[in-house]
Amino acid sequence: MSKYRNDDTDFRGDENEGKIPIDPISFAIRGTDGKDLFNELGIPRPDSVMSSLVGDDDLFMFCAAMINDSVLQTVDDRCSLTPEFGAAIRQFGDYAFLFLSAELEDRLSKARENHTPGFGFMSGPIIYRDLAVFNSEEYKKTYRLTGSLYDPFFVKSIDYKIQNEWRLVIVGSEEKLSPNNGDAFSINIGAFNWGFIFHSDTLIKTLELVL
């Protein structure tokens, strides 16, 4: 997880990855008498406060961009990707792999039946929000969407919305996972039945023709 937080590329790295923002005004450090030390001692409150899952470096994530209505436009009765999303695709590399998330999930489900060490996974679209908004039901619900400890890893700043991200989080089911391929964790799921590698520009132009 630290690799995502410490990546210094502005389009990929996110220091708030997996963290829950807390309203600094409501944050308190209390003494043995229960009084808030910020108020009692006149200590300046921090500009921002974040909570995170301790030891989350044993989580492994796979991220992909979704192609759905959020990144499509219609001009003169012709549907295509928005220019902003096309630019985001190019920013991540010269080539892109087009696949079905349902097939990936199905293959992972089958692979984990006999995999050692055991693993589990969560997947879904990223929720984008203003991280400075605290006093709403939406804020409470967003970070506790399923009740899982890993819900915060599916929330990002609105600044990243153009990426339209779908994410997969893999965790150990019985023990913490350790890298088994350099800094990564690899799982053999076999070859995709439906998956294609495109040059990024070719993918964008092809989708303009077939959508």
N, C-alpha and C. Protein backbone atom coordinates (compact mmCIF):
# COMPACT_ATOMS: atom_id res chain seq x y z
N MET A 1 0.82 -1.21 0.00
CA MET A 1 0.00 0.00 0.00
C MET A 1 0.86 1.27 0.00
N SER A 2 2.01 1.18 0.68
CA SER A 2 2.88 2.36 0.74
C SER A 2 3.36 2.77 -0.64
N LYS A 3 3.45 1.81 -1.59
CA LYS A 3 3.89 2.16 -2.95
C LYS A 3 2.89 3.11 -3.60
N TYR A 4 1.61 2.93 -3.34
CA TYR A 4 0.59 3.82 -3.89
C TYR A 4 0.65 5.20 -3.22
N ARG A 5 0.87 5.19 -1.91
CA ARG A 5 0.90 6.46 -1.18
C ARG A 5 2.15 7.28 -1.50
N ASN A 6 3.25 6.59 -1.77
CA ASN A 6 4.53 7.28 -1.95
C ASN A 6 4.89 7.52 -3.41
N ASP A 7 4.06 7.04 -4.34
CA ASP A 7 4.33 7.28 -5.76
C ASP A 7 4.28 8.78 -6.02
N ASP A 8 5.33 9.33 -6.62
CA ASP A 8 5.41 10.78 -6.78
C ASP A 8 4.83 11.27 -8.11
N THR A 9 4.19 10.38 -8.88
CA THR A 9 3.52 10.84 -10.10
C THR A 9 2.15 11.37 -9.73
N ASP A 10 1.82 12.58 -10.21
CA ASP A 10 0.58 13.22 -9.75
C ASP A 10 -0.67 12.51 -10.23
N PHE A 11 -0.59 11.70 -11.28
CA PHE A 11 -1.77 11.01 -11.78
C PHE A 11 -1.93 9.62 -11.18
N ARG A 12 -0.90 9.10 -10.54
CA ARG A 12 -0.96 7.74 -10.00
C ARG A 12 -0.86 7.73 -8.47
N GLY A 13 0.09 8.46 -7.92
CA GLY A 13 0.30 8.45 -6.48
C GLY A 13 -0.78 9.21 -5.73
N ASP A 14 -1.15 8.70 -4.56
CA ASP A 14 -2.17 9.35 -3.73
C ASP A 14 -1.81 9.11 -2.27
N GLU A 15 -1.36 10.17 -1.60
CA GLU A 15 -0.94 10.03 -0.20
C GLU A 15 -2.10 9.69 0.72
N ASN A 16 -3.33 9.88 0.26
CA ASN A 16 -4.51 9.58 1.08
C ASN A 16 -5.10 8.20 0.79
N GLU A 17 -4.38 7.38 0.06
CA GLU A 17 -4.88 6.06 -0.32
C GLU A 17 -5.29 5.24 0.89
N GLY A 18 -6.55 4.81 0.93
CA GLY A 18 -7.03 3.95 2.01
C GLY A 18 -7.26 4.65 3.33
N LYS A 19 -7.13 5.97 3.38
CA LYS A 19 -7.30 6.71 4.63
C LYS A 19 -8.69 7.34 4.72
N ILE A 20 -9.15 7.54 5.95
CA ILE A 20 -10.44 8.18 6.19
C ILE A 20 -10.18 9.57 6.75
N PRO A 21 -10.60 10.64 6.07
CA PRO A 21 -10.41 11.99 6.60
C PRO A 21 -11.34 12.26 7.78
N ILE A 22 -10.82 12.91 8.78
CA ILE A 22 -11.59 13.27 9.98
C ILE A 22 -11.60 14.78 10.12
N ASP A 23 -12.73 15.34 10.48
CA ASP A 23 -12.86 16.78 10.66
C ASP A 23 -11.92 17.24 11.78
N PRO A 24 -10.93 18.10 11.47
CA PRO A 24 -9.99 18.54 12.52
C PRO A 24 -10.68 19.22 13.70
N ILE A 25 -11.83 19.85 13.44
CA ILE A 25 -12.54 20.53 14.52
C ILE A 25 -13.08 19.54 15.55
N SER A 26 -13.44 18.35 15.09
CA SER A 26 -14.00 17.34 15.99
C SER A 26 -12.92 16.46 16.62
N PHE A 27 -11.70 16.57 16.14
CA PHE A 27 -10.60 15.74 16.64
C PHE A 27 -10.17 16.22 18.01
N ALA A 28 -9.96 15.28 18.94
CA ALA A 28 -9.59 15.66 20.31
C ALA A 28 -8.55 14.69 20.87
N ILE A 29 -7.67 15.22 21.70
CA ILE A 29 -6.76 14.41 22.51
C ILE A 29 -7.11 14.71 23.96
N ARG A 30 -7.55 13.71 24.70
CA ARG A 30 -8.07 13.95 26.03
C ARG A 30 -7.11 13.46 27.11
N GLY A 31 -7.00 14.26 28.17
CA GLY A 31 -6.19 13.90 29.31
C GLY A 31 -6.93 12.94 30.22
N THR A 32 -6.30 12.59 31.34
CA THR A 32 -6.92 11.64 32.27
C THR A 32 -8.22 12.17 32.86
N ASP A 33 -8.38 13.50 32.85
CA ASP A 33 -9.62 14.09 33.37
C ASP A 33 -10.70 14.19 32.30
N GLY A 34 -10.38 13.72 31.07
CA GLY A 34 -11.36 13.74 30.00
C GLY A 34 -11.44 15.04 29.23
N LYS A 35 -10.66 16.03 29.62
CA LYS A 35 -10.71 17.33 28.94
C LYS A 35 -9.85 17.30 27.68
N ASP A 36 -10.31 18.05 26.68
CA ASP A 36 -9.59 18.14 25.41
C ASP A 36 -8.35 19.00 25.59
N LEU A 37 -7.18 18.41 25.37
CA LEU A 37 -5.93 19.12 25.57
C LEU A 37 -5.74 20.27 24.59
N PHE A 38 -6.34 20.15 23.40
CA PHE A 38 -6.24 21.26 22.44
C PHE A 38 -6.84 22.52 23.05
N ASN A 39 -8.00 22.37 23.70
CA ASN A 39 -8.68 23.52 24.31
C ASN A 39 -8.00 23.95 25.61
N GLU A 40 -7.61 22.96 26.41
CA GLU A 40 -7.04 23.27 27.71
C GLU A 40 -5.68 23.95 27.61
N LEU A 41 -4.84 23.49 26.67
CA LEU A 41 -3.47 24.00 26.56
C LEU A 41 -3.29 24.99 25.42
N GLY A 42 -4.34 25.20 24.67
CA GLY A 42 -4.25 26.15 23.57
C GLY A 42 -3.37 25.66 22.43
N ILE A 43 -3.28 24.34 22.27
CA ILE A 43 -2.46 23.77 21.20
C ILE A 43 -3.19 23.94 19.87
N PRO A 44 -2.50 24.44 18.83
CA PRO A 44 -3.16 24.60 17.52
C PRO A 44 -3.62 23.25 16.98
N ARG A 45 -4.81 23.20 16.44
CA ARG A 45 -5.31 21.97 15.84
C ARG A 45 -4.64 21.73 14.49
N PRO A 46 -4.46 20.49 14.11
CA PRO A 46 -3.86 20.20 12.80
C PRO A 46 -4.80 20.60 11.67
N ASP A 47 -4.21 20.89 10.52
CA ASP A 47 -5.02 21.26 9.36
C ASP A 47 -5.82 20.08 8.82
N SER A 48 -5.27 18.87 8.96
CA SER A 48 -5.97 17.69 8.48
C SER A 48 -5.67 16.52 9.41
N VAL A 49 -6.65 15.61 9.50
CA VAL A 49 -6.50 14.42 10.34
C VAL A 49 -6.98 13.23 9.53
N MET A 50 -6.20 12.14 9.53
CA MET A 50 -6.56 10.95 8.79
C MET A 50 -6.44 9.72 9.69
N SER A 51 -7.34 8.78 9.51
CA SER A 51 -7.20 7.48 10.16
C SER A 51 -6.97 6.44 9.08
N SER A 52 -6.23 5.38 9.42
CA SER A 52 -5.96 4.34 8.43
C SER A 52 -5.82 3.00 9.14
N LEU A 53 -5.88 1.94 8.37
CA LEU A 53 -5.76 0.59 8.88
C LEU A 53 -4.29 0.29 9.15
N VAL A 54 -3.97 -0.08 10.40
CA VAL A 54 -2.58 -0.36 10.77
C VAL A 54 -2.11 -1.62 10.04
N GLY A 55 -0.91 -1.55 9.46
CA GLY A 55 -0.32 -2.71 8.81
C GLY A 55 -0.95 -3.05 7.47
N ASP A 56 -1.42 -2.04 6.75
CA ASP A 56 -2.11 -2.33 5.49
C ASP A 56 -1.16 -2.57 4.32
N ASP A 57 0.14 -2.65 4.58
CA ASP A 57 1.08 -2.95 3.51
C ASP A 57 0.98 -4.40 3.04
N ASP A 58 0.22 -5.23 3.77
CA ASP A 58 0.04 -6.61 3.33
C ASP A 58 -1.15 -6.74 2.38
N LEU A 59 -1.77 -5.61 2.03
CA LEU A 59 -2.84 -5.61 1.03
C LEU A 59 -2.21 -5.47 -0.36
N PHE A 60 -2.82 -6.15 -1.32
CA PHE A 60 -2.38 -6.00 -2.70
C PHE A 60 -3.56 -5.53 -3.54
N MET A 61 -3.29 -4.56 -4.41
CA MET A 61 -4.37 -3.98 -5.20
C MET A 61 -4.09 -4.09 -6.68
N PHE A 62 -5.17 -4.28 -7.44
CA PHE A 62 -5.12 -4.21 -8.89
C PHE A 62 -6.13 -3.16 -9.30
N CYS A 63 -5.71 -2.23 -10.13
CA CYS A 63 -6.56 -1.11 -10.53
C CYS A 63 -6.72 -1.07 -12.05
N ALA A 64 -7.90 -0.72 -12.49
CA ALA A 64 -8.18 -0.61 -13.93
C ALA A 64 -9.19 0.51 -14.14
N ALA A 65 -9.23 1.02 -15.35
CA ALA A 65 -10.21 2.06 -15.70
C ALA A 65 -11.46 1.38 -16.27
N MET A 66 -12.63 1.87 -15.86
CA MET A 66 -13.89 1.32 -16.37
C MET A 66 -14.34 2.09 -17.61
N ILE A 67 -14.90 1.38 -18.56
CA ILE A 67 -15.55 2.01 -19.70
C ILE A 67 -17.05 1.84 -19.52
N ASN A 68 -17.70 2.94 -19.16
CA ASN A 68 -19.15 2.94 -18.96
C ASN A 68 -19.70 4.32 -19.32
N ASP A 69 -20.96 4.56 -18.96
CA ASP A 69 -21.60 5.82 -19.35
C ASP A 69 -20.88 7.05 -18.83
N SER A 70 -20.13 6.89 -17.73
CA SER A 70 -19.46 8.04 -17.12
C SER A 70 -18.37 8.64 -18.01
N VAL A 71 -17.84 7.83 -18.95
CA VAL A 71 -16.73 8.31 -19.77
C VAL A 71 -17.07 8.28 -21.26
N LEU A 72 -18.38 8.25 -21.56
CA LEU A 72 -18.82 8.24 -22.95
C LEU A 72 -19.52 9.55 -23.30
N GLN A 73 -19.41 9.94 -24.54
CA GLN A 73 -20.09 11.13 -25.03
C GLN A 73 -20.70 10.83 -26.39
N THR A 74 -21.74 11.57 -26.72
CA THR A 74 -22.37 11.44 -28.03
C THR A 74 -22.30 12.78 -28.76
N VAL A 75 -21.68 12.78 -29.92
CA VAL A 75 -21.55 13.97 -30.74
C VAL A 75 -22.00 13.61 -32.16
N ASP A 76 -23.02 14.33 -32.66
CA ASP A 76 -23.54 14.06 -34.01
C ASP A 76 -23.93 12.60 -34.17
N ASP A 77 -24.65 12.09 -33.17
CA ASP A 77 -25.14 10.71 -33.19
C ASP A 77 -24.01 9.67 -33.19
N ARG A 78 -22.83 10.07 -32.80
CA ARG A 78 -21.70 9.14 -32.73
C ARG A 78 -21.18 9.09 -31.30
N CYS A 79 -21.11 7.88 -30.75
CA CYS A 79 -20.68 7.70 -29.37
C CYS A 79 -19.18 7.43 -29.32
N SER A 80 -18.50 8.04 -28.37
CA SER A 80 -17.06 7.83 -28.24
C SER A 80 -16.65 8.12 -26.80
N LEU A 81 -15.39 7.82 -26.50
CA LEU A 81 -14.85 8.17 -25.19
C LEU A 81 -14.66 9.67 -25.11
N THR A 82 -14.81 10.22 -23.91
CA THR A 82 -14.55 11.65 -23.74
C THR A 82 -13.06 11.91 -23.95
N PRO A 83 -12.70 13.09 -24.45
CA PRO A 83 -11.27 13.41 -24.64
C PRO A 83 -10.48 13.30 -23.34
N GLU A 84 -11.09 13.69 -22.21
CA GLU A 84 -10.40 13.65 -20.92
C GLU A 84 -10.05 12.22 -20.53
N PHE A 85 -10.99 11.29 -20.77
CA PHE A 85 -10.73 9.90 -20.43
C PHE A 85 -9.69 9.30 -21.38
N GLY A 86 -9.77 9.66 -22.64
CA GLY A 86 -8.77 9.21 -23.60
C GLY A 86 -7.37 9.65 -23.19
N ALA A 87 -7.27 10.90 -22.73
CA ALA A 87 -5.97 11.43 -22.28
C ALA A 87 -5.48 10.66 -21.05
N ALA A 88 -6.43 10.29 -20.17
CA ALA A 88 -6.05 9.53 -18.97
C ALA A 88 -5.51 8.16 -19.35
N ILE A 89 -6.13 7.52 -20.35
CA ILE A 89 -5.65 6.21 -20.81
C ILE A 89 -4.22 6.33 -21.33
N ARG A 90 -3.96 7.34 -22.14
CA ARG A 90 -2.62 7.53 -22.70
C ARG A 90 -1.60 7.81 -21.60
N GLN A 91 -2.04 8.49 -20.56
CA GLN A 91 -1.12 8.87 -19.48
C GLN A 91 -0.56 7.65 -18.75
N PHE A 92 -1.33 6.57 -18.72
CA PHE A 92 -0.90 5.38 -17.99
C PHE A 92 -0.03 4.45 -18.83
N GLY A 93 0.17 4.73 -20.09
CA GLY A 93 1.07 3.89 -20.87
C GLY A 93 0.70 3.79 -22.32
N ASP A 94 1.57 3.18 -23.09
CA ASP A 94 1.37 3.06 -24.53
C ASP A 94 0.40 1.95 -24.90
N TYR A 95 0.20 1.00 -23.97
CA TYR A 95 -0.66 -0.14 -24.27
C TYR A 95 -1.70 -0.32 -23.17
N ALA A 96 -2.83 -0.92 -23.55
CA ALA A 96 -3.91 -1.18 -22.60
C ALA A 96 -4.47 -2.58 -22.84
N PHE A 97 -4.90 -3.22 -21.76
CA PHE A 97 -5.51 -4.54 -21.84
C PHE A 97 -7.00 -4.39 -21.56
N LEU A 98 -7.82 -4.76 -22.52
CA LEU A 98 -9.27 -4.66 -22.40
C LEU A 98 -9.82 -6.02 -21.96
N PHE A 99 -10.54 -6.06 -20.85
CA PHE A 99 -11.05 -7.32 -20.32
C PHE A 99 -12.39 -7.10 -19.63
N LEU A 100 -13.03 -8.20 -19.27
CA LEU A 100 -14.29 -8.15 -18.53
C LEU A 100 -13.99 -8.39 -17.05
N SER A 101 -14.44 -7.48 -16.20
CA SER A 101 -14.19 -7.64 -14.76
C SER A 101 -14.84 -8.91 -14.23
N ALA A 102 -16.00 -9.28 -14.78
CA ALA A 102 -16.69 -10.49 -14.32
C ALA A 102 -15.85 -11.73 -14.55
N GLU A 103 -15.12 -11.77 -15.68
CA GLU A 103 -14.28 -12.93 -15.96
C GLU A 103 -13.10 -12.97 -15.00
N LEU A 104 -12.52 -11.82 -14.71
CA LEU A 104 -11.41 -11.78 -13.77
C LEU A 104 -11.86 -12.27 -12.39
N GLU A 105 -13.01 -11.81 -11.94
CA GLU A 105 -13.54 -12.22 -10.64
C GLU A 105 -13.82 -13.72 -10.60
N ASP A 106 -14.38 -14.24 -11.68
CA ASP A 106 -14.67 -15.67 -11.75
C ASP A 106 -13.39 -16.50 -11.70
N ARG A 107 -12.37 -16.06 -12.42
CA ARG A 107 -11.10 -16.80 -12.43
C ARG A 107 -10.41 -16.73 -11.07
N LEU A 108 -10.51 -15.61 -10.39
CA LEU A 108 -9.94 -15.50 -9.06
C LEU A 108 -10.67 -16.41 -8.07
N SER A 109 -11.98 -16.48 -8.19
CA SER A 109 -12.76 -17.35 -7.31
C SER A 109 -12.35 -18.80 -7.46
N LYS A 110 -12.11 -19.22 -8.68
CA LYS A 110 -11.68 -20.60 -8.93
C LYS A 110 -10.25 -20.83 -8.46
N ALA A 111 -9.39 -19.83 -8.67
CA ALA A 111 -7.98 -19.98 -8.30
C ALA A 111 -7.80 -20.09 -6.79
N ARG A 112 -8.62 -19.41 -6.02
CA ARG A 112 -8.41 -19.40 -4.58
C ARG A 112 -8.87 -20.69 -3.91
N GLU A 113 -9.60 -21.54 -4.62
CA GLU A 113 -10.08 -22.80 -4.04
C GLU A 113 -8.92 -23.69 -3.60
N ASN A 114 -7.82 -23.67 -4.37
CA ASN A 114 -6.68 -24.52 -4.05
C ASN A 114 -5.38 -23.74 -3.89
N HIS A 115 -5.51 -22.44 -3.67
CA HIS A 115 -4.31 -21.60 -3.63
C HIS A 115 -3.69 -21.60 -2.24
N THR A 116 -2.36 -21.65 -2.20
CA THR A 116 -1.61 -21.52 -0.96
C THR A 116 -0.61 -20.40 -1.10
N PRO A 117 -0.66 -19.37 -0.23
CA PRO A 117 -1.55 -19.22 0.91
C PRO A 117 -2.97 -18.84 0.47
N GLY A 118 -3.92 -19.01 1.39
CA GLY A 118 -5.29 -18.65 1.08
C GLY A 118 -5.46 -17.14 0.95
N PHE A 119 -6.39 -16.73 0.10
CA PHE A 119 -6.63 -15.29 -0.06
C PHE A 119 -8.12 -15.04 -0.29
N GLY A 120 -8.49 -13.82 -0.05
CA GLY A 120 -9.85 -13.36 -0.36
C GLY A 120 -9.73 -12.06 -1.13
N PHE A 121 -10.84 -11.61 -1.71
CA PHE A 121 -10.77 -10.35 -2.45
C PHE A 121 -12.10 -9.61 -2.42
N MET A 122 -11.99 -8.30 -2.60
CA MET A 122 -13.13 -7.41 -2.76
C MET A 122 -12.91 -6.63 -4.05
N SER A 123 -13.97 -6.30 -4.74
CA SER A 123 -13.81 -5.53 -5.97
C SER A 123 -15.01 -4.62 -6.17
N GLY A 124 -14.79 -3.58 -6.96
CA GLY A 124 -15.88 -2.66 -7.26
C GLY A 124 -15.36 -1.32 -7.74
N PRO A 125 -16.27 -0.45 -8.14
CA PRO A 125 -15.86 0.88 -8.61
C PRO A 125 -15.45 1.78 -7.45
N ILE A 126 -14.58 2.71 -7.75
CA ILE A 126 -14.16 3.70 -6.77
C ILE A 126 -15.26 4.75 -6.60
N ILE A 127 -15.48 5.16 -5.35
CA ILE A 127 -16.38 6.27 -5.05
C ILE A 127 -15.52 7.53 -4.94
N TYR A 128 -15.86 8.55 -5.69
CA TYR A 128 -15.10 9.80 -5.66
C TYR A 128 -15.87 10.84 -4.86
N ARG A 129 -15.17 11.55 -3.98
CA ARG A 129 -15.84 12.54 -3.15
C ARG A 129 -14.88 13.65 -2.73
N ASP A 130 -15.48 14.74 -2.26
CA ASP A 130 -14.72 15.85 -1.71
C ASP A 130 -14.26 15.44 -0.31
N LEU A 131 -12.97 15.28 -0.10
CA LEU A 131 -12.46 14.78 1.16
C LEU A 131 -12.58 15.80 2.29
N ALA A 132 -12.97 17.03 1.97
CA ALA A 132 -13.10 18.06 3.00
C ALA A 132 -14.53 18.19 3.52
N VAL A 133 -15.44 17.35 3.03
CA VAL A 133 -16.83 17.38 3.48
C VAL A 133 -17.03 16.27 4.51
N PHE A 134 -17.42 16.65 5.75
CA PHE A 134 -17.52 15.68 6.84
C PHE A 134 -18.93 15.51 7.39
N ASN A 135 -19.72 16.55 7.33
CA ASN A 135 -20.99 16.57 8.07
C ASN A 135 -22.17 16.14 7.21
N SER A 136 -22.12 14.94 6.69
CA SER A 136 -23.23 14.47 5.87
C SER A 136 -23.40 12.96 6.03
N GLU A 137 -24.59 12.48 5.75
CA GLU A 137 -24.85 11.04 5.79
C GLU A 137 -24.04 10.33 4.71
N GLU A 138 -23.83 11.04 3.60
CA GLU A 138 -23.04 10.46 2.51
C GLU A 138 -21.63 10.14 2.98
N TYR A 139 -21.06 11.02 3.81
CA TYR A 139 -19.71 10.82 4.33
C TYR A 139 -19.67 9.55 5.19
N LYS A 140 -20.65 9.40 6.08
CA LYS A 140 -20.67 8.23 6.97
C LYS A 140 -20.86 6.95 6.18
N LYS A 141 -21.74 6.99 5.19
CA LYS A 141 -22.06 5.79 4.42
C LYS A 141 -20.92 5.38 3.51
N THR A 142 -20.24 6.35 2.93
CA THR A 142 -19.20 6.07 1.94
C THR A 142 -18.11 5.18 2.50
N TYR A 143 -17.66 5.48 3.72
CA TYR A 143 -16.54 4.73 4.29
C TYR A 143 -16.98 3.47 5.03
N ARG A 144 -18.28 3.20 5.07
CA ARG A 144 -18.80 1.99 5.71
C ARG A 144 -19.85 1.36 4.80
N LEU A 145 -19.54 1.32 3.52
CA LEU A 145 -20.52 0.90 2.52
C LEU A 145 -20.95 -0.55 2.72
N THR A 146 -20.02 -1.43 2.99
CA THR A 146 -20.35 -2.85 3.17
C THR A 146 -20.12 -3.32 4.59
N GLY A 147 -19.50 -2.46 5.41
CA GLY A 147 -19.16 -2.87 6.77
C GLY A 147 -17.80 -3.51 6.86
N SER A 148 -17.08 -3.60 5.75
CA SER A 148 -15.76 -4.20 5.74
C SER A 148 -14.69 -3.18 6.16
N LEU A 149 -13.61 -3.70 6.75
CA LEU A 149 -12.47 -2.84 7.10
C LEU A 149 -11.84 -2.21 5.86
N TYR A 150 -12.10 -2.83 4.70
CA TYR A 150 -11.43 -2.40 3.47
C TYR A 150 -12.27 -1.42 2.65
N ASP A 151 -13.42 -1.03 3.14
CA ASP A 151 -14.25 -0.05 2.42
C ASP A 151 -13.50 1.24 2.07
N PRO A 152 -12.67 1.78 2.98
CA PRO A 152 -11.96 3.03 2.65
C PRO A 152 -11.03 2.94 1.44
N PHE A 153 -10.64 1.72 1.06
CA PHE A 153 -9.75 1.56 -0.10
C PHE A 153 -10.51 1.70 -1.42
N PHE A 154 -11.83 1.91 -1.32
CA PHE A 154 -12.64 2.12 -2.52
C PHE A 154 -13.18 3.55 -2.57
N VAL A 155 -12.50 4.45 -1.87
CA VAL A 155 -12.87 5.87 -1.85
C VAL A 155 -11.65 6.70 -2.19
N LYS A 156 -11.80 7.66 -3.11
CA LYS A 156 -10.70 8.54 -3.47
C LYS A 156 -11.20 9.97 -3.63
N SER A 157 -10.26 10.87 -3.68
CA SER A 157 -10.58 12.28 -3.87
C SER A 157 -11.22 12.52 -5.23
N ILE A 158 -12.10 13.49 -5.30
CA ILE A 158 -12.76 13.86 -6.55
C ILE A 158 -11.73 14.28 -7.60
N ASP A 159 -10.52 14.63 -7.16
CA ASP A 159 -9.47 15.04 -8.09
C ASP A 159 -9.10 13.92 -9.07
N TYR A 160 -9.38 12.66 -8.71
CA TYR A 160 -9.01 11.52 -9.54
C TYR A 160 -10.19 10.97 -10.34
N LYS A 161 -11.30 11.69 -10.35
CA LYS A 161 -12.54 11.15 -10.93
C LYS A 161 -12.40 10.76 -12.40
N ILE A 162 -11.60 11.48 -13.15
CA ILE A 162 -11.50 11.21 -14.59
C ILE A 162 -10.93 9.81 -14.85
N GLN A 163 -10.26 9.21 -13.87
CA GLN A 163 -9.71 7.86 -14.06
C GLN A 163 -10.82 6.80 -14.07
N ASN A 164 -11.97 7.10 -13.49
CA ASN A 164 -13.12 6.18 -13.51
C ASN A 164 -12.68 4.76 -13.15
N GLU A 165 -12.10 4.64 -11.96
CA GLU A 165 -11.38 3.42 -11.59
C GLU A 165 -12.26 2.30 -11.05
N TRP A 166 -11.91 1.09 -11.44
CA TRP A 166 -12.41 -0.14 -10.84
C TRP A 166 -11.23 -0.79 -10.12
N ARG A 167 -11.48 -1.30 -8.93
CA ARG A 167 -10.37 -1.76 -8.10
C ARG A 167 -10.62 -3.14 -7.53
N LEU A 168 -9.52 -3.87 -7.36
CA LEU A 168 -9.54 -5.20 -6.76
C LEU A 168 -8.55 -5.19 -5.60
N VAL A 169 -9.02 -5.55 -4.40
CA VAL A 169 -8.17 -5.62 -3.22
C VAL A 169 -8.05 -7.07 -2.80
N ILE A 170 -6.83 -7.57 -2.67
CA ILE A 170 -6.58 -8.96 -2.32
C ILE A 170 -5.90 -9.02 -0.95
N VAL A 171 -6.44 -9.85 -0.07
CA VAL A 171 -5.91 -9.98 1.30
C VAL A 171 -5.78 -11.45 1.65
N GLY A 172 -4.95 -11.75 2.63
CA GLY A 172 -4.80 -13.12 3.09
C GLY A 172 -6.03 -13.56 3.88
N SER A 173 -6.50 -14.78 3.64
CA SER A 173 -7.68 -15.27 4.35
C SER A 173 -7.34 -15.89 5.69
N GLU A 174 -6.10 -16.35 5.85
CA GLU A 174 -5.70 -16.99 7.10
C GLU A 174 -4.47 -16.32 7.71
N GLU A 175 -3.64 -15.74 6.89
CA GLU A 175 -2.44 -15.05 7.35
C GLU A 175 -2.12 -13.93 6.38
N LYS A 176 -1.28 -13.01 6.81
CA LYS A 176 -0.91 -11.89 5.95
C LYS A 176 -0.16 -12.41 4.72
N LEU A 177 -0.43 -11.76 3.61
CA LEU A 177 0.24 -12.13 2.37
C LEU A 177 1.60 -11.43 2.26
N SER A 178 2.56 -12.14 1.69
CA SER A 178 3.88 -11.57 1.43
C SER A 178 4.12 -11.58 -0.07
N PRO A 179 4.90 -10.65 -0.58
CA PRO A 179 5.20 -10.65 -2.02
C PRO A 179 5.80 -11.98 -2.45
N ASN A 180 5.38 -12.46 -3.61
CA ASN A 180 5.95 -13.70 -4.15
C ASN A 180 6.52 -13.50 -5.55
N ASN A 181 6.55 -12.22 -5.98
CA ASN A 181 7.08 -11.91 -7.31
C ASN A 181 7.64 -10.48 -7.26
N GLY A 182 8.86 -10.36 -6.72
CA GLY A 182 9.42 -9.03 -6.50
C GLY A 182 8.66 -8.34 -5.39
N ASP A 183 8.10 -7.17 -5.68
CA ASP A 183 7.28 -6.45 -4.69
C ASP A 183 5.80 -6.78 -4.84
N ALA A 184 5.49 -7.70 -5.73
CA ALA A 184 4.08 -7.99 -6.05
C ALA A 184 3.66 -9.36 -5.54
N PHE A 185 2.35 -9.60 -5.61
CA PHE A 185 1.79 -10.91 -5.28
C PHE A 185 1.09 -11.42 -6.53
N SER A 186 1.59 -12.53 -7.07
CA SER A 186 1.06 -13.07 -8.32
C SER A 186 0.17 -14.27 -8.06
N ILE A 187 -0.93 -14.35 -8.81
CA ILE A 187 -1.86 -15.47 -8.74
C ILE A 187 -2.08 -15.96 -10.17
N ASN A 188 -1.89 -17.24 -10.39
CA ASN A 188 -2.08 -17.81 -11.73
C ASN A 188 -3.57 -18.08 -11.94
N ILE A 189 -4.19 -17.31 -12.82
CA ILE A 189 -5.62 -17.48 -13.08
C ILE A 189 -5.87 -18.03 -14.48
N GLY A 190 -4.80 -18.32 -15.22
CA GLY A 190 -4.96 -18.84 -16.57
C GLY A 190 -5.20 -17.74 -17.59
N ALA A 191 -5.41 -18.13 -18.82
CA ALA A 191 -5.60 -17.17 -19.91
C ALA A 191 -7.06 -16.71 -19.97
N PHE A 192 -7.25 -15.44 -20.30
CA PHE A 192 -8.60 -14.89 -20.45
C PHE A 192 -9.25 -15.45 -21.72
N ASN A 193 -10.53 -15.74 -21.62
CA ASN A 193 -11.31 -16.09 -22.81
C ASN A 193 -11.63 -14.84 -23.63
N TRP A 194 -11.80 -13.73 -22.91
CA TRP A 194 -12.14 -12.47 -23.57
C TRP A 194 -11.20 -11.40 -23.03
N GLY A 195 -10.16 -11.12 -23.80
CA GLY A 195 -9.20 -10.11 -23.40
C GLY A 195 -8.31 -9.74 -24.57
N PHE A 196 -8.06 -8.45 -24.73
CA PHE A 196 -7.33 -7.98 -25.91
C PHE A 196 -6.34 -6.90 -25.51
N ILE A 197 -5.13 -6.96 -26.07
CA ILE A 197 -4.12 -5.93 -25.85
C ILE A 197 -4.14 -4.97 -27.04
N PHE A 198 -4.25 -3.69 -26.74
CA PHE A 198 -4.28 -2.65 -27.76
C PHE A 198 -3.19 -1.62 -27.49
N HIS A 199 -2.69 -1.02 -28.55
CA HIS A 199 -1.98 0.24 -28.36
C HIS A 199 -3.03 1.25 -27.89
N SER A 200 -2.67 2.10 -26.97
CA SER A 200 -3.66 3.01 -26.37
C SER A 200 -4.41 3.82 -27.42
N ASP A 201 -3.70 4.37 -28.39
CA ASP A 201 -4.35 5.16 -29.43
C ASP A 201 -5.30 4.30 -30.27
N THR A 202 -4.90 3.06 -30.53
CA THR A 202 -5.76 2.15 -31.31
C THR A 202 -7.02 1.82 -30.54
N LEU A 203 -6.90 1.59 -29.24
CA LEU A 203 -8.07 1.30 -28.42
C LEU A 203 -9.06 2.44 -28.46
N ILE A 204 -8.56 3.66 -28.29
CA ILE A 204 -9.44 4.83 -28.27
C ILE A 204 -10.15 4.98 -29.62
N LYS A 205 -9.43 4.82 -30.72
CA LYS A 205 -10.03 4.96 -32.05
C LYS A 205 -11.00 3.82 -32.34
N THR A 206 -10.66 2.61 -31.88
CA THR A 206 -11.54 1.46 -32.12
C THR A 206 -12.86 1.63 -31.39
N LEU A 207 -12.81 2.11 -30.16
CA LEU A 207 -14.04 2.32 -29.41
C LEU A 207 -14.90 3.42 -30.03
N GLU A 208 -14.28 4.37 -30.66
CA GLU A 208 -15.03 5.41 -31.35
C GLU A 208 -15.84 4.82 -32.50
N LEU A 209 -15.35 3.73 -33.07
CA LEU A 209 -16.01 3.14 -34.23
C LEU A 209 -17.11 2.16 -33.84
N VAL A 210 -16.91 1.43 -32.72
CA VAL A 210 -17.84 0.33 -32.44
C VAL A 210 -18.88 0.66 -31.38
N LEU A 211 -18.68 1.68 -30.59
CA LEU A 211 -19.64 1.98 -29.53
C LEU A 211 -20.97 2.47 -30.10
